[in-house]
N, C-alpha and C. Protein backbone atom coordinates (compact mmCIF):
# COMPACT_ATOMS: atom_id res chain seq x y z
N SER A 1 2.71 -13.08 -2.00
CA SER A 1 2.87 -13.68 -3.31
C SER A 1 2.69 -15.19 -3.16
N ASN A 2 1.60 -15.70 -3.62
CA ASN A 2 1.27 -17.13 -3.54
C ASN A 2 1.27 -17.66 -2.11
N SER A 3 0.98 -16.81 -1.16
CA SER A 3 0.97 -17.21 0.25
C SER A 3 -0.34 -17.88 0.61
N THR A 4 -0.25 -18.87 1.46
CA THR A 4 -1.46 -19.53 1.95
C THR A 4 -2.09 -18.75 3.10
N ILE A 5 -1.48 -17.65 3.49
CA ILE A 5 -2.06 -16.83 4.56
C ILE A 5 -3.42 -16.27 4.15
N TRP A 6 -3.64 -16.14 2.85
CA TRP A 6 -4.90 -15.59 2.36
C TRP A 6 -5.96 -16.67 2.19
N GLN A 7 -5.74 -17.84 2.77
CA GLN A 7 -6.68 -18.94 2.68
C GLN A 7 -6.98 -19.47 4.08
N GLY A 8 -8.03 -20.18 4.22
CA GLY A 8 -8.32 -20.89 5.44
C GLY A 8 -8.90 -20.03 6.56
N GLU A 9 -8.81 -20.59 7.77
CA GLU A 9 -9.46 -20.01 8.93
C GLU A 9 -8.96 -18.61 9.26
N TRP A 10 -7.64 -18.39 9.21
CA TRP A 10 -7.10 -17.06 9.53
C TRP A 10 -7.68 -16.01 8.59
N ALA A 11 -7.66 -16.29 7.32
CA ALA A 11 -8.17 -15.33 6.33
C ALA A 11 -9.66 -15.08 6.55
N GLU A 12 -10.40 -16.12 6.84
CA GLU A 12 -11.84 -15.96 7.09
C GLU A 12 -12.09 -15.08 8.32
N GLN A 13 -11.32 -15.29 9.37
CA GLN A 13 -11.46 -14.48 10.59
C GLN A 13 -11.11 -13.01 10.33
N ARG A 14 -10.02 -12.77 9.63
CA ARG A 14 -9.59 -11.39 9.34
C ARG A 14 -10.61 -10.71 8.44
N ALA A 15 -11.08 -11.40 7.42
CA ALA A 15 -12.06 -10.82 6.50
C ALA A 15 -13.34 -10.46 7.25
N SER A 16 -13.77 -11.34 8.12
CA SER A 16 -14.98 -11.09 8.90
C SER A 16 -14.77 -9.89 9.83
N ALA A 17 -13.61 -9.81 10.46
CA ALA A 17 -13.32 -8.71 11.39
C ALA A 17 -13.32 -7.36 10.68
N TYR A 18 -12.87 -7.34 9.44
CA TYR A 18 -12.78 -6.08 8.70
C TYR A 18 -13.97 -5.83 7.77
N GLY A 19 -14.88 -6.79 7.70
CA GLY A 19 -16.06 -6.61 6.88
C GLY A 19 -15.79 -6.63 5.38
N VAL A 20 -14.82 -7.45 4.98
CA VAL A 20 -14.50 -7.60 3.55
C VAL A 20 -14.55 -9.09 3.21
N SER A 21 -14.56 -9.39 1.92
CA SER A 21 -14.52 -10.80 1.51
C SER A 21 -13.09 -11.32 1.63
N VAL A 22 -12.97 -12.63 1.71
CA VAL A 22 -11.63 -13.23 1.76
C VAL A 22 -10.83 -12.85 0.51
N GLU A 23 -11.51 -12.79 -0.63
CA GLU A 23 -10.83 -12.44 -1.88
C GLU A 23 -10.30 -11.01 -1.86
N ALA A 24 -10.97 -10.14 -1.14
CA ALA A 24 -10.57 -8.73 -1.08
C ALA A 24 -9.53 -8.45 0.00
N LEU A 25 -9.22 -9.44 0.82
CA LEU A 25 -8.32 -9.23 1.95
C LEU A 25 -6.92 -8.74 1.55
N PRO A 26 -6.25 -9.31 0.54
CA PRO A 26 -4.92 -8.79 0.18
C PRO A 26 -4.96 -7.31 -0.20
N ASP A 27 -5.94 -6.92 -0.99
CA ASP A 27 -6.05 -5.51 -1.38
C ASP A 27 -6.40 -4.63 -0.19
N PHE A 28 -7.20 -5.15 0.74
CA PHE A 28 -7.54 -4.39 1.95
C PHE A 28 -6.28 -4.09 2.75
N TYR A 29 -5.45 -5.10 2.96
CA TYR A 29 -4.21 -4.89 3.71
C TYR A 29 -3.29 -3.92 2.97
N LYS A 30 -3.21 -4.06 1.67
CA LYS A 30 -2.37 -3.16 0.87
C LYS A 30 -2.86 -1.72 0.99
N SER A 31 -4.15 -1.53 1.01
CA SER A 31 -4.71 -0.18 1.06
C SER A 31 -4.45 0.51 2.40
N ARG A 32 -4.15 -0.27 3.44
CA ARG A 32 -3.91 0.32 4.76
C ARG A 32 -2.49 0.87 4.91
N SER A 33 -1.60 0.55 4.00
CA SER A 33 -0.22 1.04 4.10
C SER A 33 -0.08 2.39 3.42
N LEU A 34 0.90 3.14 3.83
CA LEU A 34 1.11 4.47 3.26
C LEU A 34 1.47 4.43 1.79
N LEU A 35 2.24 3.43 1.38
CA LEU A 35 2.69 3.34 -0.01
C LEU A 35 1.71 2.59 -0.91
N LYS A 36 0.72 1.95 -0.30
CA LYS A 36 -0.29 1.19 -1.06
C LYS A 36 0.36 0.15 -1.98
N GLN A 37 1.39 -0.50 -1.48
CA GLN A 37 2.15 -1.48 -2.25
C GLN A 37 2.05 -2.85 -1.60
N GLN A 38 2.02 -3.87 -2.41
CA GLN A 38 2.09 -5.23 -1.90
C GLN A 38 3.54 -5.54 -1.55
N ILE A 39 3.77 -6.10 -0.38
CA ILE A 39 5.12 -6.48 0.03
C ILE A 39 5.35 -7.91 -0.41
N LEU A 40 6.40 -8.10 -1.17
CA LEU A 40 6.72 -9.41 -1.73
C LEU A 40 7.93 -10.01 -1.02
N PRO A 41 8.12 -11.31 -1.13
CA PRO A 41 9.30 -11.93 -0.52
C PRO A 41 10.61 -11.29 -1.01
N GLU A 42 10.62 -10.85 -2.26
CA GLU A 42 11.81 -10.21 -2.80
C GLU A 42 12.15 -8.91 -2.06
N ASP A 43 11.13 -8.21 -1.59
CA ASP A 43 11.34 -6.97 -0.85
C ASP A 43 12.02 -7.25 0.49
N VAL A 44 11.58 -8.29 1.16
CA VAL A 44 12.19 -8.69 2.43
C VAL A 44 13.61 -9.18 2.18
N ALA A 45 13.81 -9.93 1.10
CA ALA A 45 15.15 -10.43 0.76
C ALA A 45 16.12 -9.28 0.52
N GLU A 46 15.66 -8.19 -0.09
CA GLU A 46 16.53 -7.02 -0.30
C GLU A 46 17.00 -6.43 1.03
N ALA A 47 16.12 -6.37 2.01
CA ALA A 47 16.49 -5.86 3.32
C ALA A 47 17.52 -6.77 3.99
N ILE A 48 17.30 -8.07 3.88
CA ILE A 48 18.25 -9.03 4.44
C ILE A 48 19.60 -8.89 3.75
N LEU A 49 19.58 -8.77 2.44
CA LEU A 49 20.82 -8.61 1.69
C LEU A 49 21.57 -7.35 2.12
N PHE A 50 20.85 -6.26 2.33
CA PHE A 50 21.49 -5.02 2.78
C PHE A 50 22.20 -5.23 4.11
N PHE A 51 21.50 -5.81 5.08
CA PHE A 51 22.10 -5.97 6.40
C PHE A 51 23.20 -7.02 6.43
N SER A 52 23.21 -7.93 5.48
CA SER A 52 24.26 -8.95 5.46
C SER A 52 25.41 -8.58 4.52
N SER A 53 25.36 -7.40 3.94
CA SER A 53 26.40 -6.98 3.01
C SER A 53 27.29 -5.90 3.63
N ASP A 54 28.35 -5.58 2.94
CA ASP A 54 29.26 -4.51 3.38
C ASP A 54 28.60 -3.14 3.35
N ARG A 55 27.49 -3.00 2.65
CA ARG A 55 26.81 -1.71 2.59
C ARG A 55 26.32 -1.26 3.96
N SER A 56 26.13 -2.20 4.86
CA SER A 56 25.68 -1.84 6.21
C SER A 56 26.78 -2.06 7.26
N ALA A 57 28.02 -2.16 6.82
CA ALA A 57 29.13 -2.49 7.71
C ALA A 57 29.29 -1.50 8.87
N LYS A 58 28.86 -0.28 8.70
CA LYS A 58 29.03 0.73 9.75
C LYS A 58 27.70 1.07 10.43
N SER A 59 26.74 0.22 10.26
CA SER A 59 25.43 0.41 10.88
C SER A 59 25.26 -0.58 12.02
N THR A 60 24.72 -0.09 13.12
CA THR A 60 24.44 -0.98 14.25
C THR A 60 23.08 -0.64 14.85
N GLY A 61 22.43 -1.64 15.38
CA GLY A 61 21.18 -1.45 16.09
C GLY A 61 20.05 -0.84 15.28
N ASN A 62 20.04 -1.08 14.00
CA ASN A 62 19.02 -0.49 13.13
C ASN A 62 17.84 -1.42 12.92
N ILE A 63 16.73 -0.81 12.58
CA ILE A 63 15.52 -1.53 12.20
C ILE A 63 15.16 -1.08 10.80
N LEU A 64 14.93 -2.01 9.93
CA LEU A 64 14.50 -1.69 8.57
C LEU A 64 13.14 -2.34 8.36
N ASN A 65 12.11 -1.53 8.45
CA ASN A 65 10.76 -2.04 8.25
C ASN A 65 10.50 -2.23 6.76
N VAL A 66 10.01 -3.38 6.41
CA VAL A 66 9.60 -3.67 5.04
C VAL A 66 8.12 -3.98 5.11
N ASP A 67 7.32 -2.90 5.22
CA ASP A 67 5.90 -3.09 5.46
C ASP A 67 5.04 -2.14 4.63
N GLY A 68 5.64 -1.40 3.75
CA GLY A 68 4.87 -0.48 2.91
C GLY A 68 4.42 0.79 3.60
N GLY A 69 4.88 0.96 4.84
CA GLY A 69 4.53 2.18 5.56
C GLY A 69 3.36 1.98 6.51
N SER A 70 3.59 1.22 7.54
CA SER A 70 2.57 1.00 8.56
C SER A 70 2.82 1.98 9.70
N ALA A 71 1.98 2.99 9.81
CA ALA A 71 2.19 4.04 10.81
C ALA A 71 2.24 3.46 12.22
N ALA A 72 1.51 2.40 12.48
CA ALA A 72 1.52 1.78 13.80
C ALA A 72 2.88 1.17 14.13
N ALA A 73 3.69 0.90 13.12
CA ALA A 73 5.00 0.30 13.35
C ALA A 73 6.14 1.32 13.36
N PHE A 74 5.83 2.60 13.19
CA PHE A 74 6.88 3.61 13.20
C PHE A 74 7.58 3.61 14.55
N PRO A 75 8.92 3.71 14.58
CA PRO A 75 9.62 3.82 15.86
C PRO A 75 9.18 5.08 16.60
N ARG A 76 9.09 4.99 17.89
CA ARG A 76 8.69 6.14 18.72
C ARG A 76 9.90 6.74 19.36
């Protein structure tokens, strides 16, 4: 959301590597996730809020991926 990651040299390199335009890069990344959803800062904030609240008081050593379902990041 309004990130500069989609601009400049990094974006140009990623777009070239995947054979898409820089403008299409956000949608390309979104399409690679299982949920096909854009991950927003608010989504990450919700995860942080969960782990910093009493709702997770009895949880330890957990990982909460906020990535829209990246199979490569699934715990093994």
